[in-house]
C-alpha atoms as a PDB file:
ATOM      1  CA  MET A   1      74.645 228.768-128.687  1.00  0.00           C
ATOM      2  CA  THR A   2      77.816 230.656-129.310  1.00  0.00           C
ATOM      3  CA  THR A   3      79.501 233.763-127.971  1.00  0.00           C
ATOM      4  CA  ALA A   4      81.341 234.592-131.211  1.00  0.00           C
ATOM      5  CA  ASP A   5      80.914 238.351-131.727  1.00  0.00           C
ATOM      6  CA  PHE A   6      80.761 238.104-135.529  1.00  0.00           C
ATOM      7  CA  ASN A   7      77.261 236.640-135.127  1.00  0.00           C
ATOM      8  CA  ASP A   8      75.990 240.055-134.030  1.00  0.00           C
ATOM      9  CA  THR A   9      75.175 240.924-137.652  1.00  0.00           C
ATOM     10  CA  HIS A  10      74.159 237.426-138.773  1.00  0.00           C
ATOM     11  CA  PRO A  11      70.495 237.423-139.874  1.00  0.00           C
ATOM     12  CA  PHE A  12      69.780 234.036-138.248  1.00  0.00           C
ATOM     13  CA  ALA A  13      71.537 234.746-134.940  1.00  0.00           C
ATOM     14  CA  ILE A  14      69.246 235.500-132.018  1.00  0.00           C
ATOM     15  CA  LYS A  15      71.039 237.607-129.435  1.00  0.00           C
ATOM     16  CA  CYS A  16      70.497 237.065-125.723  1.00  0.00           C
ATOM     17  CA  GLN A  17      72.133 238.158-122.502  1.00  0.00           C
ATOM     18  CA  GLY A  18      73.140 235.484-120.053  1.00  0.00           C
ATOM     19  CA  ALA A  19      74.758 235.117-116.704  1.00  0.00           C
ATOM     20  CA  LYS A  20      77.339 237.740-115.848  1.00  0.00           C
ATOM     21  CA  ASN A  21      75.968 239.835-118.749  1.00  0.00           C
ATOM     22  CA  VAL A  22      77.631 237.590-121.362  1.00  0.00           C
ATOM     23  CA  THR A  23      76.168 238.018-124.845  1.00  0.00           C
ATOM     24  CA  SER A  24      75.368 234.764-126.611  1.00  0.00           C
ATOM     25  CA  TYR A  25      73.667 233.870-129.880  1.00  0.00           C
ATOM     26  CA  VAL A  26      71.258 231.088-130.757  1.00  0.00           C
ATOM     27  CA  LEU A  27      71.893 230.128-134.376  1.00  0.00           C
ATOM     28  CA  GLY A  28      68.445 229.460-135.798  1.00  0.00           C
ATOM     29  CA  HIS A  29      69.791 228.210-139.113  1.00  0.00           C
ATOM     30  CA  GLN A  30      71.533 225.226-137.528  1.00  0.00           C
ATOM     31  CA  PRO A  31      68.750 222.792-136.625  1.00  0.00           C
ATOM     32  CA  LYS A  32      71.288 219.951-136.651  1.00  0.00           C
ATOM     33  CA  SER A  33      72.577 221.418-133.397  1.00  0.00           C
ATOM     34  CA  PHE A  34      69.201 221.374-131.669  1.00  0.00           C
ATOM     35  CA  ASP A  35      69.392 217.721-130.616  1.00  0.00           C
ATOM     36  CA  TRP A  36      72.403 218.077-128.351  1.00  0.00           C
ATOM     37  CA  ARG A  37      71.731 214.729-126.683  1.00  0.00           C
ATOM     38  CA  ALA A  38      72.074 212.862-129.996  1.00  0.00           C
ATOM     39  CA  ARG A  39      75.385 214.633-130.591  1.00  0.00           C
ATOM     40  CA  GLY A  40      76.659 213.658-127.146  1.00  0.00           C
ATOM     41  CA  ALA A  41      76.992 217.302-126.130  1.00  0.00           C
ATOM     42  CA  LYS A  42      76.576 218.603-122.602  1.00  0.00           C
ATOM     43  CA  ALA A  43      73.725 220.799-121.463  1.00  0.00           C
ATOM     44  CA  HIS A  44      74.431 224.519-121.684  1.00  0.00           C
ATOM     45  CA  PRO A  45      75.236 226.099-118.289  1.00  0.00           C
ATOM     46  CA  TRP A  46      72.119 228.292-118.588  1.00  0.00           C
ATOM     47  CA  LYS A  47      69.998 225.105-118.826  1.00  0.00           C
ATOM     48  CA  ARG A  48      67.300 227.086-120.629  1.00  0.00           C
ATOM     49  CA  VAL A  49      67.084 230.272-122.683  1.00  0.00           C
ATOM     50  CA  PRO A  50      64.449 232.895-121.916  1.00  0.00           C
ATOM     51  CA  ASP A  51      61.028 232.155-123.429  1.00  0.00           C
ATOM     52  CA  ASP A  52      61.242 235.047-125.909  1.00  0.00           C
ATOM     53  CA  VAL A  53      64.576 233.764-127.265  1.00  0.00           C
ATOM     54  CA  PHE A  54      63.177 230.235-127.598  1.00  0.00           C
ATOM     55  CA  ALA A  55      60.098 231.580-129.410  1.00  0.00           C
ATOM     56  CA  ALA A  56      62.289 233.584-131.813  1.00  0.00           C
ATOM     57  CA  ALA A  57      64.409 230.500-132.550  1.00  0.00           C
ATOM     58  CA  CYS A  58      61.288 228.431-133.235  1.00  0.00           C
ATOM     59  CA  GLU A  59      59.938 231.171-135.511  1.00  0.00           C
ATOM     60  CA  GLN A  60      63.157 231.210-137.539  1.00  0.00           C
ATOM     61  CA  LEU A  61      63.269 227.439-137.731  1.00  0.00           C
ATOM     62  CA  ASN A  62      59.659 227.417-138.914  1.00  0.00           C
ATOM     63  CA  GLN A  63      60.691 229.622-141.843  1.00  0.00           C
ATOM     64  CA  ILE A  64      63.280 227.017-142.822  1.00  0.00           C
ATOM     65  CA  ILE A  65      61.450 223.723-142.295  1.00  0.00           C
ATOM     66  CA  ALA A  66      57.785 224.651-141.622  1.00  0.00           C
ATOM     67  CA  ILE A  67      57.387 223.029-138.196  1.00  0.00           C
ATOM     68  CA  GLY A  68      53.774 224.122-137.839  1.00  0.00           C
ATOM     69  CA  ASP A  69      51.371 227.002-137.446  1.00  0.00           C
END
């Protein structure tokens, strides 16, 4: 996730509102970032995105790598 405003018009950025009304973006075209544990990253403060945002990210990823029907 990122809060960079230029992602607002990016076709693979999924917009979501978080704590304190902060706008963030899940970048569906960056599956390398999905395994944050393997990269040694820390869990996002939200811990989990809303179900609709997760579903949209999975849908975009499916268009890229065909993860299933």
